[in-house]
PDB file of all heavy atoms in Angstrom:
ATOM      1  N   SER A   1     115.477 100.604 112.870  1.00  0.00           N
ATOM      2  CA  SER A   1     115.099 100.587 114.291  1.00  0.00           C
ATOM      3  C   SER A   1     116.098 101.323 115.168  1.00  0.00           C
ATOM      4  O   SER A   1     115.737 101.825 116.233  1.00  0.00           O
ATOM      5  CB  SER A   1     114.934  99.141 114.779  1.00  0.00           C
ATOM      6  OG  SER A   1     116.190  98.467 114.837  1.00  0.00           O
ATOM      7  N   GLY A   2     117.353 101.407 114.720  1.00  0.00           N
ATOM      8  CA  GLY A   2     118.357 102.092 115.531  1.00  0.00           C
ATOM      9  C   GLY A   2     118.071 103.559 115.756  1.00  0.00           C
ATOM     10  O   GLY A   2     118.583 104.158 116.712  1.00  0.00           O
ATOM     11  N   ALA A   3     117.256 104.163 114.900  1.00  0.00           N
ATOM     12  CA  ALA A   3     116.881 105.565 115.079  1.00  0.00           C
ATOM     13  C   ALA A   3     115.677 105.724 116.001  1.00  0.00           C
ATOM     14  O   ALA A   3     115.364 106.827 116.439  1.00  0.00           O
ATOM     15  CB  ALA A   3     116.567 106.205 113.725  1.00  0.00           C
ATOM     16  N   MET A   4     114.984 104.611 116.299  1.00  0.00           N
ATOM     17  CA  MET A   4     113.727 104.665 117.047  1.00  0.00           C
ATOM     18  C   MET A   4     113.846 104.118 118.465  1.00  0.00           C
ATOM     19  O   MET A   4     112.881 104.191 119.225  1.00  0.00           O
ATOM     20  CB  MET A   4     112.668 103.830 116.314  1.00  0.00           C
ATOM     21  CG  MET A   4     112.422 104.195 114.866  1.00  0.00           C
ATOM     22  SD  MET A   4     111.316 102.952 114.119  1.00  0.00           S
ATOM     23  CE  MET A   4     110.863 103.749 112.594  1.00  0.00           C
ATOM     24  N   VAL A   5     114.987 103.552 118.791  1.00  0.00           N
ATOM     25  CA  VAL A   5     115.107 102.801 120.047  1.00  0.00           C
ATOM     26  C   VAL A   5     114.768 103.651 121.259  1.00  0.00           C
ATOM     27  O   VAL A   5     114.915 104.861 121.252  1.00  0.00           O
ATOM     28  CB  VAL A   5     116.524 102.203 120.207  1.00  0.00           C
ATOM     29  CG1 VAL A   5     116.782 101.121 119.173  1.00  0.00           C
ATOM     30  CG2 VAL A   5     117.592 103.302 120.128  1.00  0.00           C
ATOM     31  N   GLU A   6     114.290 102.958 122.278  1.00  0.00           N
ATOM     32  CA  GLU A   6     114.006 103.490 123.607  1.00  0.00           C
ATOM     33  C   GLU A   6     112.734 104.322 123.690  1.00  0.00           C
ATOM     34  O   GLU A   6     112.422 104.867 124.744  1.00  0.00           O
ATOM     35  CB  GLU A   6     115.192 104.294 124.180  1.00  0.00           C
ATOM     36  CG  GLU A   6     116.470 103.482 124.302  1.00  0.00           C
ATOM     37  CD  GLU A   6     117.548 104.181 125.124  1.00  0.00           C
ATOM     38  OE1 GLU A   6     117.355 105.354 125.490  1.00  0.00           O
ATOM     39  OE2 GLU A   6     118.573 103.542 125.416  1.00  0.00           O
ATOM     40  N   ARG A   7     111.960 104.416 122.555  1.00  0.00           N
ATOM     41  CA  ARG A   7     110.770 105.256 122.665  1.00  0.00           C
ATOM     42  C   ARG A   7     109.580 104.844 121.804  1.00  0.00           C
ATOM     43  O   ARG A   7     108.462 105.244 122.097  1.00  0.00           O
ATOM     44  CB  ARG A   7     111.124 106.718 122.382  1.00  0.00           C
ATOM     45  CG  ARG A   7     111.715 106.991 121.004  1.00  0.00           C
ATOM     46  CD  ARG A   7     112.476 108.308 121.072  1.00  0.00           C
ATOM     47  NE  ARG A   7     112.926 108.836 119.792  1.00  0.00           N
ATOM     48  CZ  ARG A   7     114.038 108.456 119.177  1.00  0.00           C
ATOM     49  NH1 ARG A   7     114.791 107.502 119.702  1.00  0.00           N
ATOM     50  NH2 ARG A   7     114.405 109.020 118.048  1.00  0.00           N
ATOM     51  N   ILE A   8     109.738 104.062 120.747  1.00  0.00           N
ATOM     52  CA  ILE A   8     108.600 103.706 119.906  1.00  0.00           C
ATOM     53  C   ILE A   8     107.902 102.467 120.443  1.00  0.00           C
ATOM     54  O   ILE A   8     108.540 101.537 120.942  1.00  0.00           O
ATOM     55  CB  ILE A   8     109.032 103.479 118.440  1.00  0.00           C
ATOM     56  CG1 ILE A   8     107.805 103.347 117.531  1.00  0.00           C
ATOM     57  CG2 ILE A   8     109.927 102.260 118.320  1.00  0.00           C
ATOM     58  CD1 ILE A   8     108.129 103.370 116.051  1.00  0.00           C
ATOM     59  N   ARG A   9     106.571 102.458 120.389  1.00  0.00           N
ATOM     60  CA  ARG A   9     105.804 101.290 120.818  1.00  0.00           C
ATOM     61  C   ARG A   9     106.123 100.117 119.897  1.00  0.00           C
ATOM     62  O   ARG A   9     106.219 100.267 118.678  1.00  0.00           O
ATOM     63  CB  ARG A   9     104.309 101.581 120.796  1.00  0.00           C
ATOM     64  CG  ARG A   9     103.867 102.661 121.756  1.00  0.00           C
ATOM     65  CD  ARG A   9     102.376 102.914 121.625  1.00  0.00           C
ATOM     66  NE  ARG A   9     101.599 101.794 122.139  1.00  0.00           N
ATOM     67  CZ  ARG A   9     100.392 101.467 121.680  1.00  0.00           C
ATOM     68  NH1 ARG A   9      99.851 102.138 120.676  1.00  0.00           N
ATOM     69  NH2 ARG A   9      99.738 100.455 122.195  1.00  0.00           N
ATOM     70  N   PHE A  10     106.278  98.945 120.466  1.00  0.00           N
ATOM     71  CA  PHE A  10     106.712  97.791 119.699  1.00  0.00           C
ATOM     72  C   PHE A  10     105.695  97.414 118.628  1.00  0.00           C
ATOM     73  O   PHE A  10     106.061  97.134 117.483  1.00  0.00           O
ATOM     74  CB  PHE A  10     106.965  96.611 120.644  1.00  0.00           C
ATOM     75  CG  PHE A  10     107.530  95.399 119.961  1.00  0.00           C
ATOM     76  CD1 PHE A  10     108.795  95.435 119.393  1.00  0.00           C
ATOM     77  CD2 PHE A  10     106.799  94.223 119.881  1.00  0.00           C
ATOM     78  CE1 PHE A  10     109.322  94.309 118.759  1.00  0.00           C
ATOM     79  CE2 PHE A  10     107.321  93.097 119.254  1.00  0.00           C
ATOM     80  CZ  PHE A  10     108.587  93.151 118.692  1.00  0.00           C
ATOM     81  N   GLN A  11     104.422  97.431 118.965  1.00  0.00           N
ATOM     82  CA  GLN A  11     103.409  97.054 117.979  1.00  0.00           C
ATOM     83  C   GLN A  11     103.355  98.070 116.841  1.00  0.00           C
ATOM     84  O   GLN A  11     103.111  97.710 115.683  1.00  0.00           O
ATOM     85  CB  GLN A  11     102.046  96.890 118.637  1.00  0.00           C
ATOM     86  CG  GLN A  11     101.494  98.125 119.318  1.00  0.00           C
ATOM     87  CD  GLN A  11     100.159  97.857 119.963  1.00  0.00           C
ATOM     88  OE1 GLN A  11      99.121  97.840 119.287  1.00  0.00           O
ATOM     89  NE2 GLN A  11     100.161  97.635 121.271  1.00  0.00           N
ATOM     90  N   THR A  12     103.611  99.326 117.143  1.00  0.00           N
ATOM     91  CA  THR A  12     103.657 100.350 116.095  1.00  0.00           C
ATOM     92  C   THR A  12     104.836 100.098 115.162  1.00  0.00           C
ATOM     93  O   THR A  12     104.725 100.234 113.937  1.00  0.00           O
ATOM     94  CB  THR A  12     103.777 101.750 116.719  1.00  0.00           C
ATOM     95  OG1 THR A  12     102.672 101.980 117.601  1.00  0.00           O
ATOM     96  CG2 THR A  12     103.799 102.827 115.647  1.00  0.00           C
ATOM     97  N   TYR A  13     105.970  99.724 115.736  1.00  0.00           N
ATOM     98  CA  TYR A  13     107.143  99.417 114.915  1.00  0.00           C
ATOM     99  C   TYR A  13     106.868  98.236 113.984  1.00  0.00           C
ATOM    100  O   TYR A  13     107.289  98.249 112.818  1.00  0.00           O
ATOM    101  CB  TYR A  13     108.344  99.112 115.810  1.00  0.00           C
ATOM    102  CG  TYR A  13     109.508  98.514 115.055  1.00  0.00           C
ATOM    103  CD1 TYR A  13     110.293  99.293 114.213  1.00  0.00           C
ATOM    104  CD2 TYR A  13     109.801  97.152 115.161  1.00  0.00           C
ATOM    105  CE1 TYR A  13     111.341  98.740 113.489  1.00  0.00           C
ATOM    106  CE2 TYR A  13     110.854  96.590 114.458  1.00  0.00           C
ATOM    107  CZ  TYR A  13     111.621  97.394 113.619  1.00  0.00           C
ATOM    108  OH  TYR A  13     112.656  96.840 112.905  1.00  0.00           O
ATOM    109  N   LEU A  14     106.159  97.230 114.457  1.00  0.00           N
ATOM    110  CA  LEU A  14     105.859  96.074 113.612  1.00  0.00           C
ATOM    111  C   LEU A  14     104.976  96.464 112.430  1.00  0.00           C
ATOM    112  O   LEU A  14     105.200  96.008 111.300  1.00  0.00           O
ATOM    113  CB  LEU A  14     105.180  94.978 114.443  1.00  0.00           C
ATOM    114  CG  LEU A  14     106.021  94.345 115.555  1.00  0.00           C
ATOM    115  CD1 LEU A  14     105.229  93.248 116.257  1.00  0.00           C
ATOM    116  CD2 LEU A  14     107.335  93.798 115.020  1.00  0.00           C
ATOM    117  N   ILE A  15     103.984  97.306 112.679  1.00  0.00           N
ATOM    118  CA  ILE A  15     103.144  97.776 111.574  1.00  0.00           C
ATOM    119  C   ILE A  15     103.979  98.592 110.600  1.00  0.00           C
ATOM    120  O   ILE A  15     103.864  98.445 109.374  1.00  0.00           O
ATOM    121  CB  ILE A  15     101.969  98.616 112.117  1.00  0.00           C
ATOM    122  CG1 ILE A  15     101.081  97.763 113.024  1.00  0.00           C
ATOM    123  CG2 ILE A  15     101.148  99.204 110.970  1.00  0.00           C
ATOM    124  CD1 ILE A  15     100.030  98.556 113.785  1.00  0.00           C
ATOM    125  N   PHE A  16     104.848  99.441 111.144  1.00  0.00           N
ATOM    126  CA  PHE A  16     105.740 100.240 110.297  1.00  0.00           C
ATOM    127  C   PHE A  16     106.615  99.336 109.430  1.00  0.00           C
ATOM    128  O   PHE A  16     106.811  99.610 108.240  1.00  0.00           O
ATOM    129  CB  PHE A  16     106.625 101.135 111.175  1.00  0.00           C
ATOM    130  CG  PHE A  16     107.724 101.820 110.421  1.00  0.00           C
ATOM    131  CD1 PHE A  16     107.490 103.008 109.741  1.00  0.00           C
ATOM    132  CD2 PHE A  16     109.013 101.279 110.376  1.00  0.00           C
ATOM    133  CE1 PHE A  16     108.507 103.641 109.027  1.00  0.00           C
ATOM    134  CE2 PHE A  16     110.023 101.895 109.669  1.00  0.00           C
ATOM    135  CZ  PHE A  16     109.779 103.084 108.985  1.00  0.00           C
ATOM    136  N   ALA A  17     107.136  98.256 110.013  1.00  0.00           N
ATOM    137  CA  ALA A  17     108.036  97.361 109.280  1.00  0.00           C
ATOM    138  C   ALA A  17     107.356  96.777 108.055  1.00  0.00           C
ATOM    139  O   ALA A  17     107.941  96.720 106.960  1.00  0.00           O
ATOM    140  CB  ALA A  17     108.533  96.247 110.201  1.00  0.00           C
ATOM    141  N   VAL A  18     106.108  96.340 108.205  1.00  0.00           N
ATOM    142  CA  VAL A  18     105.389  95.752 107.067  1.00  0.00           C
ATOM    143  C   VAL A  18     105.077  96.812 106.017  1.00  0.00           C
ATOM    144  O   VAL A  18     105.293  96.602 104.816  1.00  0.00           O
ATOM    145  CB  VAL A  18     104.090  95.071 107.548  1.00  0.00           C
ATOM    146  CG1 VAL A  18     103.275  94.584 106.359  1.00  0.00           C
ATOM    147  CG2 VAL A  18     104.419  93.893 108.459  1.00  0.00           C
ATOM    148  N   LEU A  19     104.566  97.960 106.461  1.00  0.00           N
ATOM    149  CA  LEU A  19     104.213  99.013 105.516  1.00  0.00           C
ATOM    150  C   LEU A  19     105.435  99.540 104.782  1.00  0.00           C
ATOM    151  O   LEU A  19     105.410  99.744 103.562  1.00  0.00           O
ATOM    152  CB  LEU A  19     103.494 100.151 106.247  1.00  0.00           C
ATOM    153  CG  LEU A  19     102.107  99.834 106.804  1.00  0.00           C
ATOM    154  CD1 LEU A  19     101.571 101.025 107.591  1.00  0.00           C
ATOM    155  CD2 LEU A  19     101.149  99.456 105.684  1.00  0.00           C
ATOM    156  N   TRP A  20     106.512  99.763 105.514  1.00  0.00           N
ATOM    157  CA  TRP A  20     107.708 100.337 104.896  1.00  0.00           C
ATOM    158  C   TRP A  20     108.325  99.361 103.888  1.00  0.00           C
ATOM    159  O   TRP A  20     108.727  99.764 102.796  1.00  0.00           O
ATOM    160  CB  TRP A  20     108.737 100.707 105.963  1.00  0.00           C
ATOM    161  CG  TRP A  20     109.867 101.524 105.415  1.00  0.00           C
ATOM    162  CD1 TRP A  20     109.935 102.878 105.307  1.00  0.00           C
ATOM    163  CD2 TRP A  20     111.112 101.028 104.889  1.00  0.00           C
ATOM    164  NE1 TRP A  20     111.130 103.267 104.744  1.00  0.00           N
ATOM    165  CE2 TRP A  20     111.873 102.156 104.484  1.00  0.00           C
ATOM    166  CE3 TRP A  20     111.657  99.754 104.741  1.00  0.00           C
ATOM    167  CZ2 TRP A  20     113.136 102.033 103.920  1.00  0.00           C
ATOM    168  CZ3 TRP A  20     112.917  99.635 104.177  1.00  0.00           C
ATOM    169  CH2 TRP A  20     113.648 100.757 103.767  1.00  0.00           C
ATOM    170  N   THR A  21     108.370  98.099 104.233  1.00  0.00           N
ATOM    171  CA  THR A  21     108.924  97.113 103.305  1.00  0.00           C
ATOM    172  C   THR A  21     108.094  97.044 102.034  1.00  0.00           C
ATOM    173  O   THR A  21     108.636  96.976 100.920  1.00  0.00           O
ATOM    174  CB  THR A  21     108.984  95.731 103.969  1.00  0.00           C
ATOM    175  OG1 THR A  21     109.797  95.805 105.151  1.00  0.00           O
ATOM    176  CG2 THR A  21     109.588  94.695 103.030  1.00  0.00           C
ATOM    177  N   THR A  22     106.777  97.095 102.172  1.00  0.00           N
ATOM    178  CA  THR A  22     105.892  96.993 101.016  1.00  0.00           C
ATOM    179  C   THR A  22     105.924  98.245 100.151  1.00  0.00           C
ATOM    180  O   THR A  22     105.956  98.163  98.917  1.00  0.00           O
ATOM    181  CB  THR A  22     104.450  96.724 101.474  1.00  0.00           C
ATOM    182  OG1 THR A  22     104.426  95.541 102.290  1.00  0.00           O
ATOM    183  CG2 THR A  22     103.519  96.539 100.290  1.00  0.00           C
ATOM    184  N   LEU A  23     105.947  99.410 100.782  1.00  0.00           N
ATOM    185  CA  LEU A  23     105.790 100.669 100.052  1.00  0.00           C
ATOM    186  C   LEU A  23     107.111 101.329  99.663  1.00  0.00           C
ATOM    187  O   LEU A  23     107.128 102.183  98.762  1.00  0.00           O
ATOM    188  CB  LEU A  23     104.955 101.657 100.884  1.00  0.00           C
ATOM    189  CG  LEU A  23     103.532 101.198 101.230  1.00  0.00           C
ATOM    190  CD1 LEU A  23     102.841 102.230 102.108  1.00  0.00           C
ATOM    191  CD2 LEU A  23     102.727 100.934  99.961  1.00  0.00           C
ATOM    192  N   VAL A  24     108.203 100.958 100.343  1.00  0.00           N
ATOM    193  CA  VAL A  24     109.496 101.583 100.037  1.00  0.00           C
ATOM    194  C   VAL A  24     110.511 100.559  99.527  1.00  0.00           C
ATOM    195  O   VAL A  24     111.037 100.689  98.412  1.00  0.00           O
ATOM    196  CB  VAL A  24     110.079 102.321 101.274  1.00  0.00           C
ATOM    197  CG1 VAL A  24     111.443 102.931 100.932  1.00  0.00           C
ATOM    198  CG2 VAL A  24     109.127 103.410 101.744  1.00  0.00           C
ATOM    199  N   TYR A  25     110.778  99.529 100.314  1.00  0.00           N
ATOM    200  CA  TYR A  25     111.830  98.591  99.933  1.00  0.00           C
ATOM    201  C   TYR A  25     111.499  97.840  98.647  1.00  0.00           C
ATOM    202  O   TYR A  25     112.339  97.766  97.736  1.00  0.00           O
ATOM    203  CB  TYR A  25     112.096  97.585 101.057  1.00  0.00           C
ATOM    204  CG  TYR A  25     113.209  96.618 100.692  1.00  0.00           C
ATOM    205  CD1 TYR A  25     114.542  96.952 100.906  1.00  0.00           C
ATOM    206  CD2 TYR A  25     112.931  95.380 100.101  1.00  0.00           C
ATOM    207  CE1 TYR A  25     115.565  96.094 100.543  1.00  0.00           C
ATOM    208  CE2 TYR A  25     113.952  94.522  99.733  1.00  0.00           C
ATOM    209  CZ  TYR A  25     115.263  94.881  99.960  1.00  0.00           C
ATOM    210  OH  TYR A  25     116.269  94.034  99.578  1.00  0.00           O
ATOM    211  N   ASP A  26     110.310  97.291  98.562  1.00  0.00           N
ATOM    212  CA  ASP A  26     109.968  96.488  97.381  1.00  0.00           C
ATOM    213  C   ASP A  26     110.046  97.299  96.086  1.00  0.00           C
ATOM    214  O   ASP A  26     110.634  96.833  95.097  1.00  0.00           O
ATOM    215  CB  ASP A  26     108.584  95.862  97.553  1.00  0.00           C
ATOM    216  CG  ASP A  26     108.547  94.820  98.664  1.00  0.00           C
ATOM    217  OD1 ASP A  26     109.627  94.398  99.114  1.00  0.00           O
ATOM    218  OD2 ASP A  26     107.438  94.444  99.092  1.00  0.00           O
ATOM    219  N   PRO A  27     109.478  98.507  96.028  1.00  0.00           N
ATOM    220  CA  PRO A  27     109.631  99.295  94.802  1.00  0.00           C
ATOM    221  C   PRO A  27     111.083  99.633  94.481  1.00  0.00           C
ATOM    222  O   PRO A  27     111.499  99.544  93.314  1.00  0.00           O
ATOM    223  CB  PRO A  27     108.820 100.565  95.094  1.00  0.00           C
ATOM    224  CG  PRO A  27     107.807 100.137  96.096  1.00  0.00           C
ATOM    225  CD  PRO A  27     108.520  99.139  96.955  1.00  0.00           C
ATOM    226  N   LEU A  28     111.874 100.018  95.486  1.00  0.00           N
ATOM    227  CA  LEU A  28     113.275 100.352  95.219  1.00  0.00           C
ATOM    228  C   LEU A  28     114.045  99.147  94.690  1.00  0.00           C
ATOM    229  O   LEU A  28     114.862  99.271  93.766  1.00  0.00           O
ATOM    230  CB  LEU A  28     113.942 100.882  96.488  1.00  0.00           C
ATOM    231  CG  LEU A  28     113.645 102.336  96.860  1.00  0.00           C
ATOM    232  CD1 LEU A  28     114.240 102.664  98.223  1.00  0.00           C
ATOM    233  CD2 LEU A  28     114.174 103.288  95.798  1.00  0.00           C
TER     234      LEU A  28
END
């Protein structure tokens, strides 16, 4: 989130958080 601050829509960030955790973090 530190790279996105001051400009990304909050609801978009929440969707990103779930997708990224599922598709990137969990496999790694």
